[in-house]
Amino acid sequence: MAFTEITYEVADQVATITLNRPDRLNAFTMRMRAELIEAFDLADADDEVRAVVVTGAGRAFCAGADLGGGGDTFAGSERKTELVNGYPRDGGGTVALRVARSLKPVIAAINGAAVGVGITMTLPMDVRLAADTAKIGFVFARRGIVPEAASSWFLPRIVGIAQAMEWAATGRVFGAAEALEGRLVSRVYPGEDLLPAAYALAREIAENTSAVSVAAVRRLMWSGLSASSPWEAHAADSRLMTELGPAADAVEGVTSFLEKRPPAFPMSVSEDLPEGVPSWPADPYRV
């Protein structure tokens, strides 16, 4: 697919996905939706990519759905060929589910306005960093709809039910400081420092960790949010410790530590992911 509404670049083992409709404040379209899914497919298939950074071109991250269709914007006419339980699929949800299945850690660099799907698409990302000028809003109730992108599952798990309901029920727009206090974002930076901070975090992952370990950790963490008890998590941990303990990356991790040198992990996600890694299955509704 030739990208027209995002850009995708790989450098220094980091894939950068940039929402790229700056004249429309990177408003979300069905074309952008398809391109984002394709970009995450590319990142997962490329063993050179160790982390993904997602940001926006210009002064916004994503101002939400493109409302150019007027009152029919949310009528679902473009999605009637893709159904879930007989209903047209929510486009933001297809992106969120693809991000959730990523085998690479995903860092959101929220450089400006992130409203509606512009913020819900970031919820399955692992770390959200924000510029101090960012404005965020779960504005759905003010548009007569509901939070989408599976955010009724993600948001309460990230910030707690009370905070999630306050933001969703009021639909108000709030600043980066409140997002930080509510634990929606991990850190806030001056605008010029945001991307360097995101890349520094991505490089720390790329330079110091096993790609297979990080993929397994990501699946363990997200799957663990739905575990029925710590015993279920213990069973998953035990299997992976058994599978990965004697493997080449564990040998290298210990040896490099003892030899006081940087690690050179030989295993790859495409070839060596253990069977015990919890499965977030391929999207059963994707056509």
C-alpha atoms as a PDB file:
ATOM      1  CA  MET A   1       0.000   0.000   0.000  1.00  0.00           C
ATOM      2  CA  ALA A   2       1.280   3.466  -0.888  1.00  0.00           C
ATOM      3  CA  PHE A   3       0.816   5.663   2.171  1.00  0.00           C
ATOM      4  CA  THR A   4      -0.881   9.020   1.614  1.00  0.00           C
ATOM      5  CA  GLU A   5      -2.237   9.914   5.066  1.00  0.00           C
ATOM      6  CA  ILE A   6       0.585   8.609   7.234  1.00  0.00           C
ATOM      7  CA  THR A   7       4.321   8.250   6.826  1.00  0.00           C
ATOM      8  CA  TYR A   8       6.312   5.197   7.875  1.00  0.00           C
ATOM      9  CA  GLU A   9      10.066   5.295   8.424  1.00  0.00           C
ATOM     10  CA  VAL A  10      12.577   2.977  10.075  1.00  0.00           C
ATOM     11  CA  ALA A  11      15.858   4.251  11.520  1.00  0.00           C
ATOM     12  CA  ASP A  12      18.069   3.011  14.342  1.00  0.00           C
ATOM     13  CA  GLN A  13      15.741   0.024  14.931  1.00  0.00           C
ATOM     14  CA  VAL A  14      12.755   2.319  15.555  1.00  0.00           C
ATOM     15  CA  ALA A  15       9.727   2.613  13.269  1.00  0.00           C
ATOM     16  CA  THR A  16       8.102   6.038  13.236  1.00  0.00           C
ATOM     17  CA  ILE A  17       4.463   6.267  12.186  1.00  0.00           C
ATOM     18  CA  THR A  18       3.389   9.874  11.607  1.00  0.00           C
ATOM     19  CA  LEU A  19      -0.238  10.818  11.081  1.00  0.00           C
ATOM     20  CA  ASN A  20       0.146  13.073   8.079  1.00  0.00           C
ATOM     21  CA  ARG A  21      -2.857  15.279   7.288  1.00  0.00           C
ATOM     22  CA  PRO A  22      -1.578  18.457   8.930  1.00  0.00           C
ATOM     23  CA  ASP A  23      -3.956  20.672   6.967  1.00  0.00           C
ATOM     24  CA  ARG A  24      -6.825  18.787   8.673  1.00  0.00           C
ATOM     25  CA  LEU A  25      -5.064  18.470  12.051  1.00  0.00           C
ATOM     26  CA  ASN A  26      -4.451  14.822  11.131  1.00  0.00           C
ATOM     27  CA  ALA A  27      -8.174  14.040  11.348  1.00  0.00           C
ATOM     28  CA  PHE A  28      -8.916  10.322  11.137  1.00  0.00           C
ATOM     29  CA  THR A  29     -10.344   8.816   7.945  1.00  0.00           C
ATOM     30  CA  MET A  30     -11.006   5.291   6.754  1.00  0.00           C
ATOM     31  CA  ARG A  31      -7.972   5.626   4.502  1.00  0.00           C
ATOM     32  CA  MET A  32      -5.818   6.518   7.533  1.00  0.00           C
ATOM     33  CA  ARG A  33      -7.321   3.558   9.344  1.00  0.00           C
ATOM     34  CA  ALA A  34      -6.219   1.137   6.596  1.00  0.00           C
ATOM     35  CA  GLU A  35      -2.752   2.694   6.421  1.00  0.00           C
ATOM     36  CA  LEU A  36      -2.229   2.447  10.180  1.00  0.00           C
ATOM     37  CA  ILE A  37      -3.136  -1.248  10.165  1.00  0.00           C
ATOM     38  CA  GLU A  38      -0.716  -1.834   7.284  1.00  0.00           C
ATOM     39  CA  ALA A  39       2.053   0.073   9.080  1.00  0.00           C
ATOM     40  CA  PHE A  40       1.733  -2.110  12.176  1.00  0.00           C
ATOM     41  CA  ASP A  41       1.789  -5.193   9.944  1.00  0.00           C
ATOM     42  CA  LEU A  42       5.066  -3.933   8.480  1.00  0.00           C
ATOM     43  CA  ALA A  43       6.576  -3.232  11.888  1.00  0.00           C
ATOM     44  CA  ASP A  44       5.691  -6.670  13.236  1.00  0.00           C
ATOM     45  CA  ALA A  45       7.116  -8.405  10.165  1.00  0.00           C
ATOM     46  CA  ASP A  46      10.458  -6.549  10.348  1.00  0.00           C
ATOM     47  CA  ASP A  47      12.932  -7.971  12.873  1.00  0.00           C
ATOM     48  CA  GLU A  48      14.979  -4.793  12.492  1.00  0.00           C
ATOM     49  CA  VAL A  49      12.176  -2.856  14.198  1.00  0.00           C
ATOM     50  CA  ARG A  50      12.457  -3.043  17.976  1.00  0.00           C
ATOM     51  CA  ALA A  51       9.986  -0.294  18.931  1.00  0.00           C
ATOM     52  CA  VAL A  52       7.353   1.908  17.295  1.00  0.00           C
ATOM     53  CA  VAL A  53       6.836   5.644  17.861  1.00  0.00           C
ATOM     54  CA  VAL A  54       3.527   7.180  16.762  1.00  0.00           C
ATOM     55  CA  THR A  55       3.164  10.955  16.416  1.00  0.00           C
ATOM     56  CA  GLY A  56       1.432  13.623  14.333  1.00  0.00           C
ATOM     57  CA  ALA A  57       2.621  16.020  11.645  1.00  0.00           C
ATOM     58  CA  GLY A  58       2.274  19.717  12.333  1.00  0.00           C
ATOM     59  CA  ARG A  59       0.619  21.123  15.430  1.00  0.00           C
ATOM     60  CA  ALA A  60      -1.818  18.277  16.212  1.00  0.00           C
ATOM     61  CA  PHE A  61      -1.564  14.616  17.024  1.00  0.00           C
ATOM     62  CA  CYS A  62      -5.067  13.800  15.747  1.00  0.00           C
ATOM     63  CA  ALA A  63      -8.105  16.054  16.076  1.00  0.00           C
ATOM     64  CA  GLY A  64     -10.490  13.086  15.927  1.00  0.00           C
ATOM     65  CA  ALA A  65     -12.669  11.812  13.121  1.00  0.00           C
ATOM     66  CA  ASP A  66     -12.800  13.939  10.002  1.00  0.00           C
ATOM     67  CA  LEU A  67     -16.219  15.598  10.269  1.00  0.00           C
ATOM     68  CA  GLY A  68     -16.291  16.610   6.612  1.00  0.00           C
ATOM     69  CA  GLY A  69     -19.272  14.312   6.080  1.00  0.00           C
ATOM     70  CA  GLY A  70     -21.400  16.508   8.292  1.00  0.00           C
ATOM     71  CA  GLY A  71     -24.244  14.896  10.188  1.00  0.00           C
ATOM     72  CA  ASP A  72     -23.668  11.579   8.392  1.00  0.00           C
ATOM     73  CA  THR A  73     -20.075  11.284   9.607  1.00  0.00           C
ATOM     74  CA  PHE A  74     -20.837   8.399  11.954  1.00  0.00           C
ATOM     75  CA  ALA A  75     -23.509   6.689   9.847  1.00  0.00           C
ATOM     76  CA  GLY A  76     -21.151   3.831   8.954  1.00  0.00           C
ATOM     77  CA  SER A  77     -21.816   3.823   5.210  1.00  0.00           C
ATOM     78  CA  GLU A  78     -18.147   3.163   4.409  1.00  0.00           C
ATOM     79  CA  ARG A  79     -17.974   0.124   6.700  1.00  0.00           C
ATOM     80  CA  LYS A  80     -20.930  -1.988   5.606  1.00  0.00           C
ATOM     81  CA  THR A  81     -18.688  -4.654   4.111  1.00  0.00           C
ATOM     82  CA  GLU A  82     -17.020  -5.240   7.505  1.00  0.00           C
ATOM     83  CA  LEU A  83     -19.357  -6.444  10.229  1.00  0.00           C
ATOM     84  CA  VAL A  84     -19.085  -7.461  13.880  1.00  0.00           C
ATOM     85  CA  ASN A  85     -22.126  -9.364  15.162  1.00  0.00           C
ATOM     86  CA  GLY A  86     -24.030  -8.026  12.170  1.00  0.00           C
ATOM     87  CA  TYR A  87     -23.151  -4.345  12.674  1.00  0.00           C
ATOM     88  CA  PRO A  88     -20.685  -2.157  10.724  1.00  0.00           C
ATOM     89  CA  ARG A  89     -17.330  -2.178  12.475  1.00  0.00           C
ATOM     90  CA  ASP A  90     -16.057   0.881  14.291  1.00  0.00           C
ATOM     91  CA  GLY A  91     -13.012   2.026  12.313  1.00  0.00           C
ATOM     92  CA  GLY A  92     -11.087   3.212  15.348  1.00  0.00           C
ATOM     93  CA  GLY A  93     -11.631  -0.173  16.947  1.00  0.00           C
ATOM     94  CA  THR A  94      -9.955  -1.982  14.070  1.00  0.00           C
ATOM     95  CA  VAL A  95      -6.866   0.177  14.608  1.00  0.00           C
ATOM     96  CA  ALA A  96      -6.917  -0.292  18.389  1.00  0.00           C
ATOM     97  CA  LEU A  97      -7.143  -4.057  18.065  1.00  0.00           C
ATOM     98  CA  ARG A  98      -4.231  -4.089  15.625  1.00  0.00           C
ATOM     99  CA  VAL A  99      -2.113  -1.994  17.980  1.00  0.00           C
ATOM    100  CA  ALA A 100      -3.067  -4.315  20.842  1.00  0.00           C
ATOM    101  CA  ARG A 101      -1.695  -7.286  18.883  1.00  0.00           C
ATOM    102  CA  SER A 102       1.640  -5.593  18.189  1.00  0.00           C
ATOM    103  CA  LEU A 103       4.708  -7.643  19.052  1.00  0.00           C
ATOM    104  CA  LYS A 104       6.772  -4.479  19.356  1.00  0.00           C
ATOM    105  CA  PRO A 105       6.387  -1.917  22.156  1.00  0.00           C
ATOM    106  CA  VAL A 106       4.521   1.193  21.016  1.00  0.00           C
ATOM    107  CA  ILE A 107       5.191   4.724  22.257  1.00  0.00           C
ATOM    108  CA  ALA A 108       2.709   7.526  21.572  1.00  0.00           C
ATOM    109  CA  ALA A 109       4.309  10.980  21.272  1.00  0.00           C
ATOM    110  CA  ILE A 110       1.228  13.188  21.628  1.00  0.00           C
ATOM    111  CA  ASN A 111       2.490  16.440  20.148  1.00  0.00           C
ATOM    112  CA  GLY A 112      -0.765  18.407  20.145  1.00  0.00           C
ATOM    113  CA  ALA A 113      -4.525  17.991  20.103  1.00  0.00           C
ATOM    114  CA  ALA A 114      -5.614  14.367  20.651  1.00  0.00           C
ATOM    115  CA  VAL A 115      -9.410  14.256  20.656  1.00  0.00           C
ATOM    116  CA  GLY A 116     -11.907  11.440  20.109  1.00  0.00           C
ATOM    117  CA  VAL A 117     -10.268   8.666  18.137  1.00  0.00           C
ATOM    118  CA  GLY A 118      -7.122  10.779  18.321  1.00  0.00           C
ATOM    119  CA  ILE A 119      -6.761   9.744  21.959  1.00  0.00           C
ATOM    120  CA  THR A 120      -8.588   6.396  22.018  1.00  0.00           C
ATOM    121  CA  MET A 121      -6.245   4.992  19.356  1.00  0.00           C
ATOM    122  CA  THR A 122      -3.364   5.542  21.799  1.00  0.00           C
ATOM    123  CA  LEU A 123      -4.876   3.525  24.651  1.00  0.00           C
ATOM    124  CA  PRO A 124      -3.487   0.139  23.506  1.00  0.00           C
ATOM    125  CA  MET A 125      -0.086   1.770  23.041  1.00  0.00           C
ATOM    126  CA  ASP A 126       2.304   0.949  25.870  1.00  0.00           C
ATOM    127  CA  VAL A 127       3.552   4.399  26.829  1.00  0.00           C
ATOM    128  CA  ARG A 128       1.993   7.790  26.168  1.00  0.00           C
ATOM    129  CA  LEU A 129       4.209  10.871  26.315  1.00  0.00           C
ATOM    130  CA  ALA A 130       2.714  14.317  25.776  1.00  0.00           C
ATOM    131  CA  ALA A 131       3.825  17.826  24.887  1.00  0.00           C
ATOM    132  CA  ASP A 132       2.961  20.353  27.567  1.00  0.00           C
ATOM    133  CA  THR A 133       0.650  22.089  25.078  1.00  0.00           C
ATOM    134  CA  ALA A 134      -1.341  18.926  24.225  1.00  0.00           C
ATOM    135  CA  LYS A 135      -5.117  19.050  24.556  1.00  0.00           C
ATOM    136  CA  ILE A 136      -7.002  15.798  25.095  1.00  0.00           C
ATOM    137  CA  GLY A 137     -10.701  14.990  25.031  1.00  0.00           C
ATOM    138  CA  PHE A 138     -12.974  11.971  25.129  1.00  0.00           C
ATOM    139  CA  VAL A 139     -15.649  14.117  23.509  1.00  0.00           C
ATOM    140  CA  PHE A 140     -18.027  11.408  22.281  1.00  0.00           C
ATOM    141  CA  ALA A 141     -20.998  12.212  24.514  1.00  0.00           C
ATOM    142  CA  ARG A 142     -20.874  15.791  23.203  1.00  0.00           C
ATOM    143  CA  ARG A 143     -21.273  14.400  19.675  1.00  0.00           C
ATOM    144  CA  GLY A 144     -24.127  12.037  20.561  1.00  0.00           C
ATOM    145  CA  ILE A 145     -22.106   8.826  20.285  1.00  0.00           C
ATOM    146  CA  VAL A 146     -20.038   6.600  22.607  1.00  0.00           C
ATOM    147  CA  PRO A 147     -16.305   6.138  23.163  1.00  0.00           C
ATOM    148  CA  GLU A 148     -15.050   3.709  20.511  1.00  0.00           C
ATOM    149  CA  ALA A 149     -11.788   1.915  19.683  1.00  0.00           C
ATOM    150  CA  ALA A 150     -12.502  -0.572  22.501  1.00  0.00           C
ATOM    151  CA  SER A 151     -11.798   2.299  24.912  1.00  0.00           C
ATOM    152  CA  SER A 152     -14.484   1.110  27.341  1.00  0.00           C
ATOM    153  CA  TRP A 153     -12.103  -1.824  27.914  1.00  0.00           C
ATOM    154  CA  PHE A 154      -8.785   0.032  27.786  1.00  0.00           C
ATOM    155  CA  LEU A 155      -9.444   3.346  29.535  1.00  0.00           C
ATOM    156  CA  PRO A 156     -10.708   2.109  32.923  1.00  0.00           C
ATOM    157  CA  ARG A 157      -7.802  -0.324  33.092  1.00  0.00           C
ATOM    158  CA  ILE A 158      -5.338   2.513  32.537  1.00  0.00           C
ATOM    159  CA  VAL A 159      -6.786   5.278  34.723  1.00  0.00           C
ATOM    160  CA  GLY A 160      -9.487   3.588  36.842  1.00  0.00           C
ATOM    161  CA  ILE A 161     -13.238   3.630  36.431  1.00  0.00           C
ATOM    162  CA  ALA A 162     -13.891   6.920  38.254  1.00  0.00           C
ATOM    163  CA  GLN A 163     -11.433   8.932  36.181  1.00  0.00           C
ATOM    164  CA  ALA A 164     -12.531   7.207  32.977  1.00  0.00           C
ATOM    165  CA  MET A 165     -16.173   8.036  33.651  1.00  0.00           C
ATOM    166  CA  GLU A 166     -15.427  11.658  34.546  1.00  0.00           C
ATOM    167  CA  TRP A 167     -13.645  12.269  31.265  1.00  0.00           C
ATOM    168  CA  ALA A 168     -16.121  10.257  29.157  1.00  0.00           C
ATOM    169  CA  ALA A 169     -19.311  11.543  30.779  1.00  0.00           C
ATOM    170  CA  THR A 170     -18.332  15.224  30.609  1.00  0.00           C
ATOM    171  CA  GLY A 171     -16.647  14.989  27.214  1.00  0.00           C
ATOM    172  CA  ARG A 172     -14.553  18.007  28.171  1.00  0.00           C
ATOM    173  CA  VAL A 173     -11.156  18.831  26.733  1.00  0.00           C
ATOM    174  CA  PHE A 174      -8.303  18.965  29.240  1.00  0.00           C
ATOM    175  CA  GLY A 175      -4.601  19.673  29.225  1.00  0.00           C
ATOM    176  CA  ALA A 176      -1.444  17.611  29.530  1.00  0.00           C
ATOM    177  CA  ALA A 177      -1.056  18.370  33.237  1.00  0.00           C
ATOM    178  CA  GLU A 178      -4.435  16.800  34.029  1.00  0.00           C
ATOM    179  CA  ALA A 179      -3.627  13.838  31.777  1.00  0.00           C
ATOM    180  CA  LEU A 180      -0.426  13.318  33.754  1.00  0.00           C
ATOM    181  CA  GLU A 181      -2.190  13.626  37.106  1.00  0.00           C
ATOM    182  CA  GLY A 182      -4.827  11.138  35.916  1.00  0.00           C
ATOM    183  CA  ARG A 183      -2.093   8.726  34.776  1.00  0.00           C
ATOM    184  CA  LEU A 184      -3.234   8.758  31.168  1.00  0.00           C
ATOM    185  CA  VAL A 185       0.255   9.882  30.111  1.00  0.00           C
ATOM    186  CA  SER A 186       3.549   8.904  31.707  1.00  0.00           C
ATOM    187  CA  ARG A 187       5.480  12.144  31.226  1.00  0.00           C
ATOM    188  CA  VAL A 188       5.003  15.658  29.865  1.00  0.00           C
ATOM    189  CA  TYR A 189       7.699  17.549  27.968  1.00  0.00           C
ATOM    190  CA  PRO A 190       8.153  20.916  26.278  1.00  0.00           C
ATOM    191  CA  GLY A 191       7.185  20.439  22.646  1.00  0.00           C
ATOM    192  CA  GLU A 192      10.731  20.464  21.311  1.00  0.00           C
ATOM    193  CA  ASP A 193      11.768  17.727  23.752  1.00  0.00           C
ATOM    194  CA  LEU A 194       8.902  15.322  23.093  1.00  0.00           C
ATOM    195  CA  LEU A 195      10.199  13.328  20.132  1.00  0.00           C
ATOM    196  CA  PRO A 196      13.768  13.160  21.466  1.00  0.00           C
ATOM    197  CA  ALA A 197      12.359  11.710  24.695  1.00  0.00           C
ATOM    198  CA  ALA A 198      10.270   9.163  22.772  1.00  0.00           C
ATOM    199  CA  TYR A 199      13.268   8.106  20.713  1.00  0.00           C
ATOM    200  CA  ALA A 200      15.500   7.890  23.780  1.00  0.00           C
ATOM    201  CA  LEU A 201      13.018   5.475  25.360  1.00  0.00           C
ATOM    202  CA  ALA A 202      12.764   3.466  22.131  1.00  0.00           C
ATOM    203  CA  ARG A 203      16.564   3.260  21.849  1.00  0.00           C
ATOM    204  CA  GLU A 204      16.886   2.142  25.456  1.00  0.00           C
ATOM    205  CA  ILE A 205      14.655  -0.796  24.583  1.00  0.00           C
ATOM    206  CA  ALA A 206      16.442  -1.534  21.295  1.00  0.00           C
ATOM    207  CA  GLU A 207      19.961  -1.397  22.706  1.00  0.00           C
ATOM    208  CA  ASN A 208      19.527  -3.299  25.957  1.00  0.00           C
ATOM    209  CA  THR A 209      16.817  -5.925  25.681  1.00  0.00           C
ATOM    210  CA  SER A 210      15.911  -9.142  23.924  1.00  0.00           C
ATOM    211  CA  ALA A 211      13.293  -8.620  21.213  1.00  0.00           C
ATOM    212  CA  VAL A 212      11.729 -11.968  22.058  1.00  0.00           C
ATOM    213  CA  SER A 213      11.613 -11.120  25.764  1.00  0.00           C
ATOM    214  CA  VAL A 214       9.950  -7.759  25.093  1.00  0.00           C
ATOM    215  CA  ALA A 215       7.346  -9.339  22.808  1.00  0.00           C
ATOM    216  CA  ALA A 216       6.598 -11.933  25.487  1.00  0.00           C
ATOM    217  CA  VAL A 217       6.440  -9.291  28.227  1.00  0.00           C
ATOM    218  CA  ARG A 218       4.034  -7.170  26.189  1.00  0.00           C
ATOM    219  CA  ARG A 219       1.663 -10.096  25.650  1.00  0.00           C
ATOM    220  CA  LEU A 220       1.931 -11.176  29.302  1.00  0.00           C
ATOM    221  CA  MET A 221       1.126  -7.684  30.569  1.00  0.00           C
ATOM    222  CA  TRP A 222      -1.849  -6.996  28.312  1.00  0.00           C
ATOM    223  CA  SER A 223      -3.263 -10.513  28.621  1.00  0.00           C
ATOM    224  CA  GLY A 224      -2.809 -10.317  32.381  1.00  0.00           C
ATOM    225  CA  LEU A 225      -5.332  -7.480  32.551  1.00  0.00           C
ATOM    226  CA  SER A 226      -8.010 -10.067  31.879  1.00  0.00           C
ATOM    227  CA  ALA A 227      -6.524 -12.886  33.964  1.00  0.00           C
ATOM    228  CA  SER A 228      -8.938 -14.284  36.510  1.00  0.00           C
ATOM    229  CA  SER A 229      -6.317 -14.541  39.254  1.00  0.00           C
ATOM    230  CA  PRO A 230      -2.551 -14.292  39.915  1.00  0.00           C
ATOM    231  CA  TRP A 231      -2.496 -18.079  39.660  1.00  0.00           C
ATOM    232  CA  GLU A 232      -3.350 -17.759  35.970  1.00  0.00           C
ATOM    233  CA  ALA A 233      -0.482 -15.289  35.527  1.00  0.00           C
ATOM    234  CA  HIS A 234       1.814 -17.641  37.478  1.00  0.00           C
ATOM    235  CA  ALA A 235       1.030 -20.453  35.074  1.00  0.00           C
ATOM    236  CA  ALA A 236       1.860 -18.252  32.068  1.00  0.00           C
ATOM    237  CA  ASP A 237       5.068 -16.994  33.702  1.00  0.00           C
ATOM    238  CA  SER A 238       6.167 -20.510  34.584  1.00  0.00           C
ATOM    239  CA  ARG A 239       5.742 -21.805  31.060  1.00  0.00           C
ATOM    240  CA  LEU A 240       7.702 -18.940  29.525  1.00  0.00           C
ATOM    241  CA  MET A 241      10.493 -19.160  32.097  1.00  0.00           C
ATOM    242  CA  THR A 242      10.800 -22.838  31.189  1.00  0.00           C
ATOM    243  CA  GLU A 243      10.796 -22.128  27.448  1.00  0.00           C
ATOM    244  CA  LEU A 244      13.088 -19.085  27.495  1.00  0.00           C
ATOM    245  CA  GLY A 245      15.410 -19.981  30.382  1.00  0.00           C
ATOM    246  CA  PRO A 246      17.678 -22.310  28.363  1.00  0.00           C
ATOM    247  CA  ALA A 247      17.326 -20.369  25.100  1.00  0.00           C
ATOM    248  CA  ALA A 248      20.095 -18.423  23.379  1.00  0.00           C
ATOM    249  CA  ASP A 249      18.932 -14.969  24.497  1.00  0.00           C
ATOM    250  CA  ALA A 250      18.956 -15.970  28.164  1.00  0.00           C
ATOM    251  CA  VAL A 251      22.457 -17.410  27.773  1.00  0.00           C
ATOM    252  CA  GLU A 252      23.588 -14.165  26.130  1.00  0.00           C
ATOM    253  CA  GLY A 253      21.837 -12.007  28.715  1.00  0.00           C
ATOM    254  CA  VAL A 254      23.633 -13.666  31.612  1.00  0.00           C
ATOM    255  CA  THR A 255      26.975 -13.987  29.814  1.00  0.00           C
ATOM    256  CA  SER A 256      27.064 -10.343  28.706  1.00  0.00           C
ATOM    257  CA  PHE A 257      26.235  -9.230  32.255  1.00  0.00           C
ATOM    258  CA  LEU A 258      29.044 -11.317  33.733  1.00  0.00           C
ATOM    259  CA  GLU A 259      31.470 -10.135  31.057  1.00  0.00           C
ATOM    260  CA  LYS A 260      30.400  -6.502  31.585  1.00  0.00           C
ATOM    261  CA  ARG A 261      29.665  -5.857  27.911  1.00  0.00           C
ATOM    262  CA  PRO A 262      26.600  -4.849  25.890  1.00  0.00           C
ATOM    263  CA  PRO A 263      24.394  -7.813  24.935  1.00  0.00           C
ATOM    264  CA  ALA A 264      24.076  -9.119  21.389  1.00  0.00           C
ATOM    265  CA  PHE A 265      20.866 -11.120  21.545  1.00  0.00           C
ATOM    266  CA  PRO A 266      20.711 -13.636  18.659  1.00  0.00           C
ATOM    267  CA  MET A 267      17.009 -14.583  18.706  1.00  0.00           C
ATOM    268  CA  SER A 268      14.334 -12.944  16.544  1.00  0.00           C
ATOM    269  CA  VAL A 269      10.610 -12.449  16.999  1.00  0.00           C
ATOM    270  CA  SER A 270       9.826 -13.829  13.551  1.00  0.00           C
ATOM    271  CA  GLU A 271      11.663 -17.113  14.182  1.00  0.00           C
ATOM    272  CA  ASP A 272      11.926 -17.703  17.914  1.00  0.00           C
ATOM    273  CA  LEU A 273       8.783 -16.545  19.695  1.00  0.00           C
ATOM    274  CA  PRO A 274       7.884 -19.334  22.146  1.00  0.00           C
ATOM    275  CA  GLU A 275       4.579 -21.139  21.860  1.00  0.00           C
ATOM    276  CA  GLY A 276       3.794 -20.134  25.436  1.00  0.00           C
ATOM    277  CA  VAL A 277       3.494 -16.438  24.594  1.00  0.00           C
ATOM    278  CA  PRO A 278      -0.166 -15.532  25.252  1.00  0.00           C
ATOM    279  CA  SER A 279      -2.084 -15.250  22.013  1.00  0.00           C
ATOM    280  CA  TRP A 280      -3.998 -12.146  20.986  1.00  0.00           C
ATOM    281  CA  PRO A 281      -5.423 -13.816  17.901  1.00  0.00           C
ATOM    282  CA  ALA A 282      -5.597 -12.458  14.412  1.00  0.00           C
ATOM    283  CA  ASP A 283      -8.589 -10.157  14.120  1.00  0.00           C
ATOM    284  CA  PRO A 284     -11.497 -12.550  13.381  1.00  0.00           C
ATOM    285  CA  TYR A 285     -13.532  -9.737  11.803  1.00  0.00           C
ATOM    286  CA  ARG A 286     -10.816  -8.445   9.488  1.00  0.00           C
ATOM    287  CA  VAL A 287     -11.462  -8.881   5.764  1.00  0.00           C
END
